[in-house]
C-alpha atoms as a PDB file:
ATOM      1  CA  UNK A   1      15.184 -42.282  -9.320  1.00  0.00           C
ATOM      2  CA  UNK A   2      13.859 -41.965  -5.945  1.00  0.00           C
ATOM      3  CA  UNK A   3      16.015 -41.482  -3.061  1.00  0.00           C
ATOM      4  CA  UNK A   4      15.113 -42.279   0.877  1.00  0.00           C
ATOM      5  CA  UNK A   5      16.623 -40.196   3.520  1.00  0.00           C
ATOM      6  CA  UNK A   6      17.679 -42.421   6.628  1.00  0.00           C
ATOM      7  CA  UNK A   7      14.393 -40.337   8.260  1.00  0.00           C
ATOM      8  CA  UNK A   8      12.159 -41.555   5.419  1.00  0.00           C
ATOM      9  CA  UNK A   9      13.700 -44.766   6.055  1.00  0.00           C
ATOM     10  CA  UNK A  10      12.754 -44.748   9.492  1.00  0.00           C
ATOM     11  CA  UNK A  11       9.282 -43.752   8.597  1.00  0.00           C
ATOM     12  CA  UNK A  12       8.409 -46.391   5.976  1.00  0.00           C
ATOM     13  CA  UNK A  13       9.793 -49.096   9.207  1.00  0.00           C
ATOM     14  CA  UNK A  14       7.372 -47.493  11.556  1.00  0.00           C
ATOM     15  CA  UNK A  15       4.817 -47.508   9.390  1.00  0.00           C
ATOM     16  CA  UNK A  16       5.112 -51.083   8.556  1.00  0.00           C
ATOM     17  CA  UNK A  17       5.870 -52.352  11.936  1.00  0.00           C
ATOM     18  CA  UNK A  18       2.477 -50.895  12.812  1.00  0.00           C
ATOM     19  CA  UNK A  19       0.735 -52.966  10.504  1.00  0.00           C
ATOM     20  CA  UNK A  20       2.620 -55.914  11.645  1.00  0.00           C
ATOM     21  CA  UNK A  21       1.665 -55.233  15.080  1.00  0.00           C
ATOM     22  CA  UNK A  22      -2.203 -55.128  14.279  1.00  0.00           C
ATOM     23  CA  UNK A  23      -1.953 -58.119  12.701  1.00  0.00           C
ATOM     24  CA  UNK A  24      -0.109 -59.874  15.554  1.00  0.00           C
ATOM     25  CA  UNK A  25      -2.895 -58.591  18.154  1.00  0.00           C
ATOM     26  CA  UNK A  26      -5.466 -59.380  15.797  1.00  0.00           C
ATOM     27  CA  UNK A  27      -3.796 -62.998  14.662  1.00  0.00           C
ATOM     28  CA  UNK A  28      -3.154 -63.390  18.614  1.00  0.00           C
ATOM     29  CA  UNK A  29      -6.860 -62.789  19.297  1.00  0.00           C
ATOM     30  CA  UNK A  30      -8.624 -65.143  16.853  1.00  0.00           C
ATOM     31  CA  UNK A  31      -5.904 -67.982  17.857  1.00  0.00           C
ATOM     32  CA  UNK A  32      -7.052 -67.676  21.757  1.00  0.00           C
ATOM     33  CA  UNK A  33     -10.533 -68.481  20.340  1.00  0.00           C
ATOM     34  CA  UNK A  34      -9.529 -71.417  18.002  1.00  0.00           C
ATOM     35  CA  UNK A  35     -10.128 -69.405  14.632  1.00  0.00           C
ATOM     36  CA  UNK A  36      -6.325 -68.323  13.413  1.00  0.00           C
ATOM     37  CA  UNK A  37      -6.621 -69.591  10.090  1.00  0.00           C
ATOM     38  CA  UNK A  38     -10.148 -68.090   9.576  1.00  0.00           C
ATOM     39  CA  UNK A  39      -8.951 -64.887  10.882  1.00  0.00           C
ATOM     40  CA  UNK A  40      -5.770 -65.203   8.832  1.00  0.00           C
ATOM     41  CA  UNK A  41      -8.164 -65.466   5.393  1.00  0.00           C
ATOM     42  CA  UNK A  42     -10.381 -62.940   6.730  1.00  0.00           C
ATOM     43  CA  UNK A  43      -7.541 -60.746   7.231  1.00  0.00           C
ATOM     44  CA  UNK A  44      -7.074 -60.902   3.384  1.00  0.00           C
ATOM     45  CA  UNK A  45      -9.292 -57.767   2.913  1.00  0.00           C
ATOM     46  CA  UNK A  46      -6.562 -54.658   2.945  1.00  0.00           C
ATOM     47  CA  UNK A  47      -7.194 -51.856   4.804  1.00  0.00           C
ATOM     48  CA  UNK A  48      -5.906 -48.798   4.292  1.00  0.00           C
ATOM     49  CA  UNK A  49      -3.512 -48.989   6.506  1.00  0.00           C
ATOM     50  CA  UNK A  50      -2.403 -52.232   5.529  1.00  0.00           C
ATOM     51  CA  UNK A  51      -2.349 -51.212   1.958  1.00  0.00           C
ATOM     52  CA  UNK A  52       0.006 -48.440   2.823  1.00  0.00           C
ATOM     53  CA  UNK A  53       1.916 -50.956   4.894  1.00  0.00           C
ATOM     54  CA  UNK A  54       1.971 -53.176   1.929  1.00  0.00           C
ATOM     55  CA  UNK A  55       3.290 -50.363  -0.790  1.00  0.00           C
ATOM     56  CA  UNK A  56       6.121 -49.366   2.086  1.00  0.00           C
ATOM     57  CA  UNK A  57       7.083 -52.941   1.929  1.00  0.00           C
ATOM     58  CA  UNK A  58       7.653 -53.107  -1.718  1.00  0.00           C
ATOM     59  CA  UNK A  59       9.300 -50.035  -1.491  1.00  0.00           C
ATOM     60  CA  UNK A  60      11.620 -50.941   1.023  1.00  0.00           C
ATOM     61  CA  UNK A  61      11.942 -54.773  -0.967  1.00  0.00           C
ATOM     62  CA  UNK A  62      13.063 -52.330  -3.997  1.00  0.00           C
ATOM     63  CA  UNK A  63      15.212 -50.457  -2.203  1.00  0.00           C
ATOM     64  CA  UNK A  64      17.377 -53.195  -2.008  1.00  0.00           C
ATOM     65  CA  UNK A  65      20.435 -53.999   0.759  1.00  0.00           C
ATOM     66  CA  UNK A  66      20.073 -50.512   1.736  1.00  0.00           C
ATOM     67  CA  UNK A  67      17.122 -50.819   3.789  1.00  0.00           C
ATOM     68  CA  UNK A  68      16.151 -54.863   4.158  1.00  0.00           C
ATOM     69  CA  UNK A  69      12.896 -55.554   5.907  1.00  0.00           C
ATOM     70  CA  UNK A  70      13.189 -55.400   9.449  1.00  0.00           C
ATOM     71  CA  UNK A  71      13.349 -59.237  11.246  1.00  0.00           C
ATOM     72  CA  UNK A  72      10.294 -58.583  13.179  1.00  0.00           C
ATOM     73  CA  UNK A  73       8.495 -58.896   9.702  1.00  0.00           C
ATOM     74  CA  UNK A  74       9.746 -62.412   8.817  1.00  0.00           C
ATOM     75  CA  UNK A  75       8.961 -63.199  12.483  1.00  0.00           C
ATOM     76  CA  UNK A  76       5.483 -62.207  12.414  1.00  0.00           C
ATOM     77  CA  UNK A  77       4.743 -64.109   9.717  1.00  0.00           C
ATOM     78  CA  UNK A  78       6.318 -67.543  10.915  1.00  0.00           C
ATOM     79  CA  UNK A  79       4.626 -66.413  14.321  1.00  0.00           C
ATOM     80  CA  UNK A  80       1.227 -66.678  12.091  1.00  0.00           C
ATOM     81  CA  UNK A  81       2.170 -69.602  10.073  1.00  0.00           C
ATOM     82  CA  UNK A  82       2.829 -71.240  13.895  1.00  0.00           C
ATOM     83  CA  UNK A  83      -0.721 -70.502  15.138  1.00  0.00           C
ATOM     84  CA  UNK A  84      -2.315 -71.474  12.390  1.00  0.00           C
ATOM     85  CA  UNK A  85      -0.540 -74.841  12.448  1.00  0.00           C
ATOM     86  CA  UNK A  86      -0.862 -75.360  16.012  1.00  0.00           C
ATOM     87  CA  UNK A  87      -4.945 -74.676  15.403  1.00  0.00           C
ATOM     88  CA  UNK A  88      -4.834 -77.125  12.137  1.00  0.00           C
ATOM     89  CA  UNK A  89      -2.515 -79.684  13.331  1.00  0.00           C
ATOM     90  CA  UNK A  90      -0.907 -80.120  10.044  1.00  0.00           C
ATOM     91  CA  UNK A  91       1.971 -77.632   8.702  1.00  0.00           C
ATOM     92  CA  UNK A  92       1.447 -78.351   5.477  1.00  0.00           C
ATOM     93  CA  UNK A  93      -2.227 -77.105   5.516  1.00  0.00           C
ATOM     94  CA  UNK A  94      -1.427 -74.197   7.656  1.00  0.00           C
ATOM     95  CA  UNK A  95       1.134 -73.481   4.691  1.00  0.00           C
ATOM     96  CA  UNK A  96      -1.446 -73.505   1.971  1.00  0.00           C
ATOM     97  CA  UNK A  97      -3.863 -71.572   4.551  1.00  0.00           C
ATOM     98  CA  UNK A  98      -1.225 -69.112   4.480  1.00  0.00           C
ATOM     99  CA  UNK A  99      -0.355 -69.014   0.950  1.00  0.00           C
ATOM    100  CA  UNK A 100      -3.852 -68.689   0.241  1.00  0.00           C
ATOM    101  CA  UNK A 101      -4.460 -65.584   2.530  1.00  0.00           C
ATOM    102  CA  UNK A 102      -1.428 -63.840   1.067  1.00  0.00           C
ATOM    103  CA  UNK A 103      -2.412 -64.070  -2.960  1.00  0.00           C
ATOM    104  CA  UNK A 104      -5.676 -62.849  -1.673  1.00  0.00           C
ATOM    105  CA  UNK A 105      -4.178 -59.974   0.086  1.00  0.00           C
ATOM    106  CA  UNK A 106      -1.841 -59.006  -3.196  1.00  0.00           C
ATOM    107  CA  UNK A 107      -4.914 -59.620  -5.291  1.00  0.00           C
ATOM    108  CA  UNK A 108      -6.825 -57.597  -3.199  1.00  0.00           C
ATOM    109  CA  UNK A 109      -3.894 -54.740  -3.712  1.00  0.00           C
ATOM    110  CA  UNK A 110      -3.062 -54.777  -7.055  1.00  0.00           C
ATOM    111  CA  UNK A 111      -6.685 -54.596  -8.527  1.00  0.00           C
ATOM    112  CA  UNK A 112      -8.049 -52.554  -5.664  1.00  0.00           C
ATOM    113  CA  UNK A 113     -11.169 -55.220  -4.559  1.00  0.00           C
ATOM    114  CA  UNK A 114     -11.315 -57.237  -1.383  1.00  0.00           C
ATOM    115  CA  UNK A 115     -11.950 -60.698  -1.983  1.00  0.00           C
ATOM    116  CA  UNK A 116     -16.157 -61.375  -2.708  1.00  0.00           C
ATOM    117  CA  UNK A 117     -17.503 -62.252   0.615  1.00  0.00           C
ATOM    118  CA  UNK A 118     -18.771 -65.874  -0.974  1.00  0.00           C
ATOM    119  CA  UNK A 119     -15.519 -66.540  -2.263  1.00  0.00           C
ATOM    120  CA  UNK A 120     -13.831 -65.950   1.323  1.00  0.00           C
ATOM    121  CA  UNK A 121     -16.555 -68.352   2.811  1.00  0.00           C
ATOM    122  CA  UNK A 122     -16.224 -70.673   0.530  1.00  0.00           C
ATOM    123  CA  UNK A 123     -12.436 -70.848   0.849  1.00  0.00           C
ATOM    124  CA  UNK A 124     -12.639 -70.795   4.880  1.00  0.00           C
ATOM    125  CA  UNK A 125     -14.966 -73.935   4.286  1.00  0.00           C
ATOM    126  CA  UNK A 126     -12.847 -75.538   2.213  1.00  0.00           C
ATOM    127  CA  UNK A 127      -9.762 -75.228   3.844  1.00  0.00           C
ATOM    128  CA  UNK A 128     -10.418 -75.042   7.328  1.00  0.00           C
ATOM    129  CA  UNK A 129     -13.753 -76.365   8.285  1.00  0.00           C
ATOM    130  CA  UNK A 130     -14.055 -79.297   6.068  1.00  0.00           C
ATOM    131  CA  UNK A 131     -10.455 -80.028   7.194  1.00  0.00           C
ATOM    132  CA  UNK A 132     -11.740 -79.661  11.009  1.00  0.00           C
ATOM    133  CA  UNK A 133     -14.759 -81.798  10.181  1.00  0.00           C
ATOM    134  CA  UNK A 134     -12.262 -84.497   8.613  1.00  0.00           C
ATOM    135  CA  UNK A 135     -10.129 -84.942  11.491  1.00  0.00           C
ATOM    136  CA  UNK A 136     -10.622 -87.489  13.796  1.00  0.00           C
END
């Protein structure tokens, strides 16, 4: 059984919050350009830093009540969801985009391979581009 010291927990939290902060910056910049939904899907290809942060998050979750995920993580997800919903004008479509992005990210972590560029472009076209074109 692994034991985590307070210093390890603090380090884990710092790694996680750094990755969340970087994603926040990318999502804010994309939202300013009107492409938050597309950006969220493109961020599904995790960098090495994202992989480390995801592994830290899984470790923190496994620790249970000893060190729950920082509230900043849940707040960031809510912000990203809101940015996507504001852009698309449909909270359900925004939730689908976010969940698809989360699924792509999880699959990339499990398999070690990012989504294929073709699949990513098809998802963006279907979930974002076609949606925008169909709206009045």
